[in-house]
Amino acid sequence: MAITKDEIIQALEEMTLVQLNELVKSIEDHFGVVAAAAVAAPAQEATAAAPTEVTVVISSVGAQKVAVIKAVKELTGLGLMDAKKLVDGATPIVVKENVKPEEGEKMKETLVAAGASVDLK
């Protein structure tokens, strides 16, 4: 009697990570393949499509204008008056250009917490 796919999946769900790792190594040895090669190709494609630099843009200041001004001052290193002029200007407001996506996400979190609507472009 053949084992069904559902039975295999159920058995895999019950295994620990160590047992799964040993199973993968056994399958690689038995069939002469490397499981990591199939996984690495899609990961490289996804990395290539991801932007390397983003621009942090405030699309709406919101009701808490003072908090947004303070956040902009903190993030950009501008003086209080310069940050206020930037926030008081017409939207969209470019806060910072050509930053790493990770840094852009942190800046976005800070500005959203202050009450602004933010986009990364």
PDB file of N, CA and C in Angstrom:
ATOM      1  N   MET A   1       0.840  -1.185   0.000  1.00  0.00           N
ATOM      2  CA  MET A   1       0.000   0.000   0.000  1.00  0.00           C
ATOM      3  C   MET A   1       0.888   1.253   0.000  1.00  0.00           C
ATOM      4  N   ALA A   2       0.593   2.193  -0.875  1.00  0.00           N
ATOM      5  CA  ALA A   2       1.386   3.415  -1.009  1.00  0.00           C
ATOM      6  C   ALA A   2       0.981   4.434   0.056  1.00  0.00           C
ATOM      7  N   ILE A   3       1.964   5.253   0.434  1.00  0.00           N
ATOM      8  CA  ILE A   3       1.715   6.313   1.411  1.00  0.00           C
ATOM      9  C   ILE A   3       1.174   7.531   0.649  1.00  0.00           C
ATOM     10  N   THR A   4       0.147   8.153   1.180  1.00  0.00           N
ATOM     11  CA  THR A   4      -0.441   9.318   0.522  1.00  0.00           C
ATOM     12  C   THR A   4       0.324  10.582   0.896  1.00  0.00           C
ATOM     13  N   LYS A   5       0.113  11.630   0.111  1.00  0.00           N
ATOM     14  CA  LYS A   5       0.741  12.925   0.403  1.00  0.00           C
ATOM     15  C   LYS A   5       0.290  13.447   1.762  1.00  0.00           C
ATOM     16  N   ASP A   6      -0.976  13.261   2.080  1.00  0.00           N
ATOM     17  CA  ASP A   6      -1.502  13.734   3.366  1.00  0.00           C
ATOM     18  C   ASP A   6      -0.815  13.043   4.541  1.00  0.00           C
ATOM     19  N   GLU A   7      -0.526  11.744   4.386  1.00  0.00           N
ATOM     20  CA  GLU A   7       0.166  11.013   5.448  1.00  0.00           C
ATOM     21  C   GLU A   7       1.601  11.521   5.615  1.00  0.00           C
ATOM     22  N   ILE A   8       2.248  11.848   4.510  1.00  0.00           N
ATOM     23  CA  ILE A   8       3.614  12.381   4.570  1.00  0.00           C
ATOM     24  C   ILE A   8       3.608  13.746   5.256  1.00  0.00           C
ATOM     25  N   ILE A   9       2.675  14.608   4.868  1.00  0.00           N
ATOM     26  CA  ILE A   9       2.581  15.942   5.483  1.00  0.00           C
ATOM     27  C   ILE A   9       2.297  15.830   6.972  1.00  0.00           C
ATOM     28  N   GLN A  10       1.416  14.928   7.339  1.00  0.00           N
ATOM     29  CA  GLN A  10       1.100  14.735   8.761  1.00  0.00           C
ATOM     30  C   GLN A  10       2.347  14.270   9.519  1.00  0.00           C
ATOM     31  N   ALA A  11       3.125  13.369   8.940  1.00  0.00           N
ATOM     32  CA  ALA A  11       4.345  12.899   9.582  1.00  0.00           C
ATOM     33  C   ALA A  11       5.354  14.035   9.721  1.00  0.00           C
ATOM     34  N   LEU A  12       5.470  14.886   8.706  1.00  0.00           N
ATOM     35  CA  LEU A  12       6.398  16.018   8.762  1.00  0.00           C
ATOM     36  C   LEU A  12       5.984  17.024   9.844  1.00  0.00           C
ATOM     37  N   GLU A  13       4.689  17.239  10.005  1.00  0.00           N
ATOM     38  CA  GLU A  13       4.205  18.170  11.022  1.00  0.00           C
ATOM     39  C   GLU A  13       4.559  17.716  12.431  1.00  0.00           C
ATOM     40  N   GLU A  14       4.690  16.423  12.626  1.00  0.00           N
ATOM     41  CA  GLU A  14       4.980  15.876  13.941  1.00  0.00           C
ATOM     42  C   GLU A  14       6.478  15.828  14.253  1.00  0.00           C
ATOM     43  N   MET A  15       7.322  16.121  13.266  1.00  0.00           N
ATOM     44  CA  MET A  15       8.764  16.039  13.450  1.00  0.00           C
ATOM     45  C   MET A  15       9.319  17.334  14.045  1.00  0.00           C
ATOM     46  N   THR A  16      10.436  17.196  14.771  1.00  0.00           N
ATOM     47  CA  THR A  16      11.133  18.374  15.290  1.00  0.00           C
ATOM     48  C   THR A  16      12.019  18.938  14.187  1.00  0.00           C
ATOM     49  N   LEU A  17      12.560  20.129  14.412  1.00  0.00           N
ATOM     50  CA  LEU A  17      13.452  20.724  13.418  1.00  0.00           C
ATOM     51  C   LEU A  17      14.709  19.884  13.205  1.00  0.00           C
ATOM     52  N   VAL A  18      15.213  19.299  14.257  1.00  0.00           N
ATOM     53  CA  VAL A  18      16.402  18.453  14.141  1.00  0.00           C
ATOM     54  C   VAL A  18      16.075  17.238  13.269  1.00  0.00           C
ATOM     55  N   GLN A  19      14.919  16.632  13.506  1.00  0.00           N
ATOM     56  CA  GLN A  19      14.518  15.468  12.710  1.00  0.00           C
ATOM     57  C   GLN A  19      14.306  15.848  11.247  1.00  0.00           C
ATOM     58  N   LEU A  20      13.698  17.025  11.010  1.00  0.00           N
ATOM     59  CA  LEU A  20      13.494  17.484   9.634  1.00  0.00           C
ATOM     60  C   LEU A  20      14.826  17.737   8.936  1.00  0.00           C
ATOM     61  N   ASN A  21      15.784  18.309   9.643  1.00  0.00           N
ATOM     62  CA  ASN A  21      17.107  18.568   9.085  1.00  0.00           C
ATOM     63  C   ASN A  21      17.788  17.252   8.710  1.00  0.00           C
ATOM     64  N   GLU A  22      17.690  16.265   9.580  1.00  0.00           N
ATOM     65  CA  GLU A  22      18.275  14.951   9.287  1.00  0.00           C
ATOM     66  C   GLU A  22      17.594  14.307   8.082  1.00  0.00           C
ATOM     67  N   LEU A  23      16.275  14.471   7.976  1.00  0.00           N
ATOM     68  CA  LEU A  23      15.533  13.925   6.842  1.00  0.00           C
ATOM     69  C   LEU A  23      15.992  14.568   5.533  1.00  0.00           C
ATOM     70  N   VAL A  24      16.153  15.865   5.539  1.00  0.00           N
ATOM     71  CA  VAL A  24      16.602  16.572   4.334  1.00  0.00           C
ATOM     72  C   VAL A  24      17.990  16.093   3.929  1.00  0.00           C
ATOM     73  N   LYS A  25      18.891  15.940   4.904  1.00  0.00           N
ATOM     74  CA  LYS A  25      20.241  15.449   4.601  1.00  0.00           C
ATOM     75  C   LYS A  25      20.186  14.046   4.015  1.00  0.00           C
ATOM     76  N   SER A  26      19.329  13.196   4.547  1.00  0.00           N
ATOM     77  CA  SER A  26      19.194  11.832   4.033  1.00  0.00           C
ATOM     78  C   SER A  26      18.663  11.837   2.603  1.00  0.00           C
ATOM     79  N   ILE A  27      17.689  12.689   2.324  1.00  0.00           N
ATOM     80  CA  ILE A  27      17.138  12.775   0.975  1.00  0.00           C
ATOM     81  C   ILE A  27      18.202  13.293   0.005  1.00  0.00           C
ATOM     82  N   GLU A  28      18.974  14.286   0.431  1.00  0.00           N
ATOM     83  CA  GLU A  28      20.043  14.809  -0.414  1.00  0.00           C
ATOM     84  C   GLU A  28      21.056  13.718  -0.742  1.00  0.00           C
ATOM     85  N   ASP A  29      21.462  12.958   0.291  1.00  0.00           N
ATOM     86  CA  ASP A  29      22.438  11.884   0.073  1.00  0.00           C
ATOM     87  C   ASP A  29      21.881  10.796  -0.840  1.00  0.00           C
ATOM     88  N   HIS A  30      20.641  10.407  -0.608  1.00  0.00           N
ATOM     89  CA  HIS A  30      20.030   9.308  -1.364  1.00  0.00           C
ATOM     90  C   HIS A  30      19.865   9.660  -2.846  1.00  0.00           C
ATOM     91  N   PHE A  31      19.396  10.866  -3.124  1.00  0.00           N
ATOM     92  CA  PHE A  31      19.116  11.254  -4.498  1.00  0.00           C
ATOM     93  C   PHE A  31      20.247  12.046  -5.156  1.00  0.00           C
ATOM     94  N   GLY A  32      21.292  12.380  -4.390  1.00  0.00           N
ATOM     95  CA  GLY A  32      22.424  13.112  -4.943  1.00  0.00           C
ATOM     96  C   GLY A  32      22.083  14.536  -5.351  1.00  0.00           C
ATOM     97  N   VAL A  33      21.245  15.179  -4.553  1.00  0.00           N
ATOM     98  CA  VAL A  33      20.849  16.563  -4.842  1.00  0.00           C
ATOM     99  C   VAL A  33      21.155  17.448  -3.645  1.00  0.00           C
ATOM    100  N   VAL A  34      21.062  18.763  -3.873  1.00  0.00           N
ATOM    101  CA  VAL A  34      21.232  19.727  -2.792  1.00  0.00           C
ATOM    102  C   VAL A  34      19.954  20.556  -2.718  1.00  0.00           C
ATOM    103  N   ALA A  35      19.258  20.494  -1.590  1.00  0.00           N
ATOM    104  CA  ALA A  35      17.978  21.190  -1.436  1.00  0.00           C
ATOM    105  C   ALA A  35      18.148  22.694  -1.442  1.00  0.00           C
ATOM    106  N   ALA A  36      19.257  23.207  -0.973  1.00  0.00           N
ATOM    107  CA  ALA A  36      19.463  24.656  -0.875  1.00  0.00           C
ATOM    108  C   ALA A  36      19.554  25.316  -2.241  1.00  0.00           C
ATOM    109  N   ALA A  37      19.982  24.617  -3.263  1.00  0.00           N
ATOM    110  CA  ALA A  37      20.124  25.210  -4.588  1.00  0.00           C
ATOM    111  C   ALA A  37      18.775  25.648  -5.146  1.00  0.00           C
ATOM    112  N   ALA A  38      17.735  24.872  -4.935  1.00  0.00           N
ATOM    113  CA  ALA A  38      16.415  25.216  -5.442  1.00  0.00           C
ATOM    114  C   ALA A  38      15.839  26.412  -4.696  1.00  0.00           C
ATOM    115  N   VAL A  39      16.182  26.575  -3.443  1.00  0.00           N
ATOM    116  CA  VAL A  39      15.660  27.666  -2.630  1.00  0.00           C
ATOM    117  C   VAL A  39      16.424  28.956  -2.914  1.00  0.00           C
ATOM    118  N   ALA A  40      17.696  28.871  -3.246  1.00  0.00           N
ATOM    119  CA  ALA A  40      18.528  30.060  -3.413  1.00  0.00           C
ATOM    120  C   ALA A  40      18.152  30.869  -4.656  1.00  0.00           C
ATOM    121  N   ALA A  41      17.734  30.235  -5.719  1.00  0.00           N
ATOM    122  CA  ALA A  41      17.425  30.961  -6.952  1.00  0.00           C
ATOM    123  C   ALA A  41      16.280  31.955  -6.779  1.00  0.00           C
ATOM    124  N   PRO A  42      15.127  31.572  -6.220  1.00  0.00           N
ATOM    125  CA  PRO A  42      14.068  32.562  -6.035  1.00  0.00           C
ATOM    126  C   PRO A  42      14.468  33.678  -5.073  1.00  0.00           C
ATOM    127  N   ALA A  43      15.286  33.378  -4.087  1.00  0.00           N
ATOM    128  CA  ALA A  43      15.697  34.399  -3.131  1.00  0.00           C
ATOM    129  C   ALA A  43      16.526  35.477  -3.825  1.00  0.00           C
ATOM    130  N   GLN A  44      17.365  35.085  -4.766  1.00  0.00           N
ATOM    131  CA  GLN A  44      18.169  36.060  -5.495  1.00  0.00           C
ATOM    132  C   GLN A  44      17.300  36.943  -6.374  1.00  0.00           C
ATOM    133  N   GLU A  45      16.268  36.373  -6.996  1.00  0.00           N
ATOM    134  CA  GLU A  45      15.367  37.158  -7.823  1.00  0.00           C
ATOM    135  C   GLU A  45      14.621  38.177  -6.978  1.00  0.00           C
ATOM    136  N   ALA A  46      14.175  37.788  -5.796  1.00  0.00           N
ATOM    137  CA  ALA A  46      13.445  38.703  -4.924  1.00  0.00           C
ATOM    138  C   ALA A  46      14.350  39.838  -4.465  1.00  0.00           C
ATOM    139  N   THR A  47      15.603  39.537  -4.181  1.00  0.00           N
ATOM    140  CA  THR A  47      16.551  40.555  -3.746  1.00  0.00           C
ATOM    141  C   THR A  47      16.827  41.542  -4.879  1.00  0.00           C
ATOM    142  N   ALA A  48      16.926  41.048  -6.086  1.00  0.00           N
ATOM    143  CA  ALA A  48      17.209  41.923  -7.217  1.00  0.00           C
ATOM    144  C   ALA A  48      16.057  42.891  -7.463  1.00  0.00           C
ATOM    145  N   ALA A  49      14.834  42.487  -7.186  1.00  0.00           N
ATOM    146  CA  ALA A  49      13.671  43.334  -7.424  1.00  0.00           C
ATOM    147  C   ALA A  49      13.474  44.364  -6.323  1.00  0.00           C
ATOM    148  N   ALA A  50      14.038  44.129  -5.151  1.00  0.00           N
ATOM    149  CA  ALA A  50      13.861  45.051  -4.030  1.00  0.00           C
ATOM    150  C   ALA A  50      14.661  46.326  -4.276  1.00  0.00           C
ATOM    151  N   PRO A  51      14.069  47.480  -3.929  1.00  0.00           N
ATOM    152  CA  PRO A  51      14.805  48.731  -4.131  1.00  0.00           C
ATOM    153  C   PRO A  51      15.982  48.839  -3.173  1.00  0.00           C
ATOM    154  N   THR A  52      17.048  49.497  -3.628  1.00  0.00           N
ATOM    155  CA  THR A  52      18.223  49.673  -2.772  1.00  0.00           C
ATOM    156  C   THR A  52      18.172  50.995  -2.035  1.00  0.00           C
ATOM    157  N   GLU A  53      17.383  51.940  -2.545  1.00  0.00           N
ATOM    158  CA  GLU A  53      17.227  53.235  -1.899  1.00  0.00           C
ATOM    159  C   GLU A  53      15.783  53.678  -2.015  1.00  0.00           C
ATOM    160  N   VAL A  54      15.295  54.359  -0.986  1.00  0.00           N
ATOM    161  CA  VAL A  54      13.932  54.871  -0.993  1.00  0.00           C
ATOM    162  C   VAL A  54      13.937  56.347  -0.583  1.00  0.00           C
ATOM    163  N   THR A  55      12.826  57.008  -0.850  1.00  0.00           N
ATOM    164  CA  THR A  55      12.624  58.394  -0.435  1.00  0.00           C
ATOM    165  C   THR A  55      11.451  58.404   0.538  1.00  0.00           C
ATOM    166  N   VAL A  56      11.642  59.030   1.692  1.00  0.00           N
ATOM    167  CA  VAL A  56      10.599  59.110   2.712  1.00  0.00           C
ATOM    168  C   VAL A  56       9.797  60.381   2.447  1.00  0.00           C
ATOM    169  N   VAL A  57       8.474  60.207   2.218  1.00  0.00           N
ATOM    170  CA  VAL A  57       7.615  61.320   1.836  1.00  0.00           C
ATOM    171  C   VAL A  57       6.402  61.371   2.764  1.00  0.00           C
ATOM    172  N   ILE A  58       6.146  62.534   3.361  1.00  0.00           N
ATOM    173  CA  ILE A  58       4.938  62.735   4.167  1.00  0.00           C
ATOM    174  C   ILE A  58       3.829  63.153   3.212  1.00  0.00           C
ATOM    175  N   SER A  59       2.758  62.353   3.145  1.00  0.00           N
ATOM    176  CA  SER A  59       1.642  62.682   2.268  1.00  0.00           C
ATOM    177  C   SER A  59       0.584  63.507   2.996  1.00  0.00           C
ATOM    178  N   SER A  60       0.540  63.387   4.326  1.00  0.00           N
ATOM    179  CA  SER A  60      -0.397  64.171   5.131  1.00  0.00           C
ATOM    180  C   SER A  60       0.184  64.339   6.529  1.00  0.00           C
ATOM    181  N   VAL A  61       0.154  65.569   7.042  1.00  0.00           N
ATOM    182  CA  VAL A  61       0.723  65.848   8.357  1.00  0.00           C
ATOM    183  C   VAL A  61      -0.171  65.321   9.474  1.00  0.00           C
ATOM    184  N   GLY A  62      -1.482  65.415   9.313  1.00  0.00           N
ATOM    185  CA  GLY A  62      -2.403  64.941  10.340  1.00  0.00           C
ATOM    186  C   GLY A  62      -2.673  66.015  11.381  1.00  0.00           C
ATOM    187  N   ALA A  63      -3.372  65.629  12.433  1.00  0.00           N
ATOM    188  CA  ALA A  63      -3.815  66.578  13.460  1.00  0.00           C
ATOM    189  C   ALA A  63      -2.718  66.938  14.455  1.00  0.00           C
ATOM    190  N   GLN A  64      -1.717  66.090  14.600  1.00  0.00           N
ATOM    191  CA  GLN A  64      -0.661  66.310  15.598  1.00  0.00           C
ATOM    192  C   GLN A  64       0.563  66.934  14.940  1.00  0.00           C
ATOM    193  N   LYS A  65       0.389  68.158  14.451  1.00  0.00           N
ATOM    194  CA  LYS A  65       1.424  68.831  13.684  1.00  0.00           C
ATOM    195  C   LYS A  65       2.713  69.028  14.491  1.00  0.00           C
ATOM    196  N   VAL A  66       2.582  69.377  15.766  1.00  0.00           N
ATOM    197  CA  VAL A  66       3.757  69.627  16.605  1.00  0.00           C
ATOM    198  C   VAL A  66       4.590  68.351  16.748  1.00  0.00           C
ATOM    199  N   ALA A  67       3.934  67.221  16.949  1.00  0.00           N
ATOM    200  CA  ALA A  67       4.646  65.950  17.078  1.00  0.00           C
ATOM    201  C   ALA A  67       5.367  65.598  15.775  1.00  0.00           C
ATOM    202  N   VAL A  68       4.735  65.892  14.645  1.00  0.00           N
ATOM    203  CA  VAL A  68       5.358  65.618  13.351  1.00  0.00           C
ATOM    204  C   VAL A  68       6.574  66.520  13.153  1.00  0.00           C
ATOM    205  N   ILE A  69       6.460  67.785  13.532  1.00  0.00           N
ATOM    206  CA  ILE A  69       7.602  68.712  13.422  1.00  0.00           C
ATOM    207  C   ILE A  69       8.769  68.197  14.260  1.00  0.00           C
ATOM    208  N   LYS A  70       8.488  67.755  15.479  1.00  0.00           N
ATOM    209  CA  LYS A  70       9.551  67.226  16.349  1.00  0.00           C
ATOM    210  C   LYS A  70      10.189  65.978  15.735  1.00  0.00           C
ATOM    211  N   ALA A  71       9.358  65.105  15.157  1.00  0.00           N
ATOM    212  CA  ALA A  71       9.885  63.885  14.535  1.00  0.00           C
ATOM    213  C   ALA A  71      10.761  64.227  13.337  1.00  0.00           C
ATOM    214  N   VAL A  72      10.326  65.173  12.511  1.00  0.00           N
ATOM    215  CA  VAL A  72      11.118  65.594  11.348  1.00  0.00           C
ATOM    216  C   VAL A  72      12.437  66.195  11.807  1.00  0.00           C
ATOM    217  N   LYS A  73      12.388  67.014  12.856  1.00  0.00           N
ATOM    218  CA  LYS A  73      13.607  67.619  13.409  1.00  0.00           C
ATOM    219  C   LYS A  73      14.586  66.534  13.845  1.00  0.00           C
ATOM    220  N   GLU A  74      14.072  65.544  14.544  1.00  0.00           N
ATOM    221  CA  GLU A  74      14.909  64.453  15.055  1.00  0.00           C
ATOM    222  C   GLU A  74      15.506  63.625  13.912  1.00  0.00           C
ATOM    223  N   LEU A  75      14.693  63.325  12.902  1.00  0.00           N
ATOM    224  CA  LEU A  75      15.127  62.436  11.820  1.00  0.00           C
ATOM    225  C   LEU A  75      16.081  63.109  10.829  1.00  0.00           C
ATOM    226  N   THR A  76      15.908  64.403  10.633  1.00  0.00           N
ATOM    227  CA  THR A  76      16.708  65.079   9.614  1.00  0.00           C
ATOM    228  C   THR A  76      17.898  65.839  10.167  1.00  0.00           C
ATOM    229  N   GLY A  77      17.857  66.165  11.465  1.00  0.00           N
ATOM    230  CA  GLY A  77      18.923  66.961  12.050  1.00  0.00           C
ATOM    231  C   GLY A  77      18.744  68.449  11.794  1.00  0.00           C
ATOM    232  N   LEU A  78      17.582  68.823  11.254  1.00  0.00           N
ATOM    233  CA  LEU A  78      17.292  70.238  11.021  1.00  0.00           C
ATOM    234  C   LEU A  78      17.031  70.936  12.344  1.00  0.00           C
ATOM    235  N   GLY A  79      17.152  72.258  12.338  1.00  0.00           N
ATOM    236  CA  GLY A  79      16.763  73.037  13.498  1.00  0.00           C
ATOM    237  C   GLY A  79      15.245  73.074  13.592  1.00  0.00           C
ATOM    238  N   LEU A  80      14.740  73.511  14.718  1.00  0.00           N
ATOM    239  CA  LEU A  80      13.297  73.526  14.945  1.00  0.00           C
ATOM    240  C   LEU A  80      12.572  74.388  13.909  1.00  0.00           C
ATOM    241  N   MET A  81      13.082  75.565  13.617  1.00  0.00           N
ATOM    242  CA  MET A  81      12.431  76.460  12.650  1.00  0.00           C
ATOM    243  C   MET A  81      12.447  75.865  11.238  1.00  0.00           C
ATOM    244  N   ASP A  82      13.556  75.245  10.858  1.00  0.00           N
ATOM    245  CA  ASP A  82      13.644  74.642   9.529  1.00  0.00           C
ATOM    246  C   ASP A  82      12.697  73.454   9.406  1.00  0.00           C
ATOM    247  N   ALA A  83      12.610  72.658  10.464  1.00  0.00           N
ATOM    248  CA  ALA A  83      11.687  71.524  10.462  1.00  0.00           C
ATOM    249  C   ALA A  83      10.247  72.016  10.367  1.00  0.00           C
ATOM    250  N   LYS A  84       9.925  73.103  11.074  1.00  0.00           N
ATOM    251  CA  LYS A  84       8.573  73.671  11.032  1.00  0.00           C
ATOM    252  C   LYS A  84       8.262  74.176   9.629  1.00  0.00           C
ATOM    253  N   LYS A  85       9.211  74.873   8.991  1.00  0.00           N
ATOM    254  CA  LYS A  85       9.014  75.374   7.625  1.00  0.00           C
ATOM    255  C   LYS A  85       8.774  74.213   6.658  1.00  0.00           C
ATOM    256  N   LEU A  86       9.520  73.136   6.835  1.00  0.00           N
ATOM    257  CA  LEU A  86       9.366  71.971   5.968  1.00  0.00           C
ATOM    258  C   LEU A  86       7.973  71.371   6.122  1.00  0.00           C
ATOM    259  N   VAL A  87       7.534  71.198   7.369  1.00  0.00           N
ATOM    260  CA  VAL A  87       6.229  70.583   7.629  1.00  0.00           C
ATOM    261  C   VAL A  87       5.097  71.524   7.220  1.00  0.00           C
ATOM    262  N   ASP A  88       5.287  72.824   7.394  1.00  0.00           N
ATOM    263  CA  ASP A  88       4.262  73.797   7.023  1.00  0.00           C
ATOM    264  C   ASP A  88       4.121  73.955   5.508  1.00  0.00           C
ATOM    265  N   GLY A  89       5.109  73.511   4.754  1.00  0.00           N
ATOM    266  CA  GLY A  89       5.070  73.636   3.296  1.00  0.00           C
ATOM    267  C   GLY A  89       3.994  72.746   2.695  1.00  0.00           C
ATOM    268  N   ALA A  90       3.854  72.831   1.401  1.00  0.00           N
ATOM    269  CA  ALA A  90       2.846  72.044   0.689  1.00  0.00           C
ATOM    270  C   ALA A  90       3.207  70.561   0.710  1.00  0.00           C
ATOM    271  N   THR A  91       2.186  69.725   0.801  1.00  0.00           N
ATOM    272  CA  THR A  91       2.412  68.282   0.756  1.00  0.00           C
ATOM    273  C   THR A  91       2.362  67.833  -0.695  1.00  0.00           C
ATOM    274  N   PRO A  92       3.030  66.818  -1.092  1.00  0.00           N
ATOM    275  CA  PRO A  92       3.843  65.914  -0.275  1.00  0.00           C
ATOM    276  C   PRO A  92       5.176  66.542   0.130  1.00  0.00           C
ATOM    277  N   ILE A  93       5.651  66.128   1.290  1.00  0.00           N
ATOM    278  CA  ILE A  93       6.883  66.662   1.860  1.00  0.00           C
ATOM    279  C   ILE A  93       7.959  65.585   1.793  1.00  0.00           C
ATOM    280  N   VAL A  94       9.033  65.859   1.094  1.00  0.00           N
ATOM    281  CA  VAL A  94      10.161  64.921   1.031  1.00  0.00           C
ATOM    282  C   VAL A  94      10.996  65.139   2.288  1.00  0.00           C
ATOM    283  N   VAL A  95      11.013  64.126   3.156  1.00  0.00           N
ATOM    284  CA  VAL A  95      11.758  64.228   4.408  1.00  0.00           C
ATOM    285  C   VAL A  95      13.223  63.887   4.182  1.00  0.00           C
ATOM    286  N   LYS A  96      13.460  62.780   3.485  1.00  0.00           N
ATOM    287  CA  LYS A  96      14.835  62.354   3.226  1.00  0.00           C
ATOM    288  C   LYS A  96      14.854  61.507   1.961  1.00  0.00           C
ATOM    289  N   GLU A  97      15.849  61.728   1.116  1.00  0.00           N
ATOM    290  CA  GLU A  97      15.985  60.991  -0.127  1.00  0.00           C
ATOM    291  C   GLU A  97      17.153  60.011  -0.045  1.00  0.00           C
ATOM    292  N   ASN A  98      17.073  58.970  -0.868  1.00  0.00           N
ATOM    293  CA  ASN A  98      18.151  58.001  -1.046  1.00  0.00           C
ATOM    294  C   ASN A  98      18.638  57.382   0.257  1.00  0.00           C
ATOM    295  N   VAL A  99      17.690  56.839   1.038  1.00  0.00           N
ATOM    296  CA  VAL A  99      18.051  56.131   2.265  1.00  0.00           C
ATOM    297  C   VAL A  99      17.827  54.639   2.048  1.00  0.00           C
ATOM    298  N   LYS A 100      18.480  53.826   2.839  1.00  0.00           N
ATOM    299  CA  LYS A 100      18.304  52.384   2.755  1.00  0.00           C
ATOM    300  C   LYS A 100      16.863  52.045   3.149  1.00  0.00           C
ATOM    301  N   PRO A 101      16.284  51.011   2.542  1.00  0.00           N
ATOM    302  CA  PRO A 101      14.900  50.648   2.860  1.00  0.00           C
ATOM    303  C   PRO A 101      14.660  50.406   4.357  1.00  0.00           C
ATOM    304  N   GLU A 102      15.628  49.806   5.040  1.00  0.00           N
ATOM    305  CA  GLU A 102      15.469  49.545   6.473  1.00  0.00           C
ATOM    306  C   GLU A 102      15.375  50.857   7.251  1.00  0.00           C
ATOM    307  N   GLU A 103      16.249  51.810   6.906  1.00  0.00           N
ATOM    308  CA  GLU A 103      16.238  53.112   7.559  1.00  0.00           C
ATOM    309  C   GLU A 103      14.940  53.854   7.230  1.00  0.00           C
ATOM    310  N   GLY A 104      14.493  53.721   5.982  1.00  0.00           N
ATOM    311  CA  GLY A 104      13.240  54.345   5.564  1.00  0.00           C
ATOM    312  C   GLY A 104      12.051  53.823   6.346  1.00  0.00           C
ATOM    313  N   GLU A 105      12.034  52.509   6.585  1.00  0.00           N
ATOM    314  CA  GLU A 105      10.943  51.911   7.370  1.00  0.00           C
ATOM    315  C   GLU A 105      10.948  52.437   8.800  1.00  0.00           C
ATOM    316  N   LYS A 106      12.132  52.578   9.394  1.00  0.00           N
ATOM    317  CA  LYS A 106      12.228  53.114  10.762  1.00  0.00           C
ATOM    318  C   LYS A 106      11.740  54.557  10.811  1.00  0.00           C
ATOM    319  N   MET A 107      12.122  55.341   9.796  1.00  0.00           N
ATOM    320  CA  MET A 107      11.681  56.730   9.743  1.00  0.00           C
ATOM    321  C   MET A 107      10.162  56.788   9.582  1.00  0.00           C
ATOM    322  N   LYS A 108       9.634  55.917   8.737  1.00  0.00           N
ATOM    323  CA  LYS A 108       8.188  55.873   8.521  1.00  0.00           C
ATOM    324  C   LYS A 108       7.463  55.551   9.822  1.00  0.00           C
ATOM    325  N   GLU A 109       7.957  54.559  10.569  1.00  0.00           N
ATOM    326  CA  GLU A 109       7.342  54.194  11.850  1.00  0.00           C
ATOM    327  C   GLU A 109       7.327  55.387  12.805  1.00  0.00           C
ATOM    328  N   THR A 110       8.437  56.123  12.868  1.00  0.00           N
ATOM    329  CA  THR A 110       8.537  57.290  13.754  1.00  0.00           C
ATOM    330  C   THR A 110       7.519  58.351  13.353  1.00  0.00           C
ATOM    331  N   LEU A 111       7.430  58.637  12.068  1.00  0.00           N
ATOM    332  CA  LEU A 111       6.513  59.679  11.583  1.00  0.00           C
ATOM    333  C   LEU A 111       5.051  59.267  11.726  1.00  0.00           C
ATOM    334  N   VAL A 112       4.754  58.004  11.478  1.00  0.00           N
ATOM    335  CA  VAL A 112       3.380  57.521  11.645  1.00  0.00           C
ATOM    336  C   VAL A 112       2.981  57.583  13.120  1.00  0.00           C
ATOM    337  N   ALA A 113       3.904  57.233  13.995  1.00  0.00           N
ATOM    338  CA  ALA A 113       3.627  57.324  15.436  1.00  0.00           C
ATOM    339  C   ALA A 113       3.352  58.763  15.864  1.00  0.00           C
ATOM    340  N   ALA A 114       3.950  59.722  15.152  1.00  0.00           N
ATOM    341  CA  ALA A 114       3.731  61.139  15.440  1.00  0.00           C
ATOM    342  C   ALA A 114       2.415  61.647  14.854  1.00  0.00           C
ATOM    343  N   GLY A 115       1.799  60.856  13.965  1.00  0.00           N
ATOM    344  CA  GLY A 115       0.493  61.233  13.410  1.00  0.00           C
ATOM    345  C   GLY A 115       0.483  61.543  11.931  1.00  0.00           C
ATOM    346  N   ALA A 116       1.595  61.386  11.243  1.00  0.00           N
ATOM    347  CA  ALA A 116       1.661  61.693   9.813  1.00  0.00           C
ATOM    348  C   ALA A 116       1.322  60.459   8.971  1.00  0.00           C
ATOM    349  N   SER A 117       0.905  60.717   7.739  1.00  0.00           N
ATOM    350  CA  SER A 117       0.753  59.648   6.748  1.00  0.00           C
ATOM    351  C   SER A 117       2.011  59.683   5.891  1.00  0.00           C
ATOM    352  N   VAL A 118       2.673  58.527   5.763  1.00  0.00           N
ATOM    353  CA  VAL A 118       3.991  58.493   5.120  1.00  0.00           C
ATOM    354  C   VAL A 118       4.024  57.436   4.022  1.00  0.00           C
ATOM    355  N   ASP A 119       4.705  57.764   2.931  1.00  0.00           N
ATOM    356  CA  ASP A 119       4.938  56.817   1.839  1.00  0.00           C
ATOM    357  C   ASP A 119       6.431  56.678   1.619  1.00  0.00           C
ATOM    358  N   LEU A 120       6.834  55.488   1.190  1.00  0.00           N
ATOM    359  CA  LEU A 120       8.219  55.246   0.780  1.00  0.00           C
ATOM    360  C   LEU A 120       8.207  55.076  -0.723  1.00  0.00           C
ATOM    361  N   LYS A 121       8.982  55.883  -1.404  1.00  0.00           N
ATOM    362  CA  LYS A 121       9.017  55.806  -2.877  1.00  0.00           C
ATOM    363  C   LYS A 121      10.398  55.490  -3.346  1.00  0.00           C
TER     364      LYS A 121
END
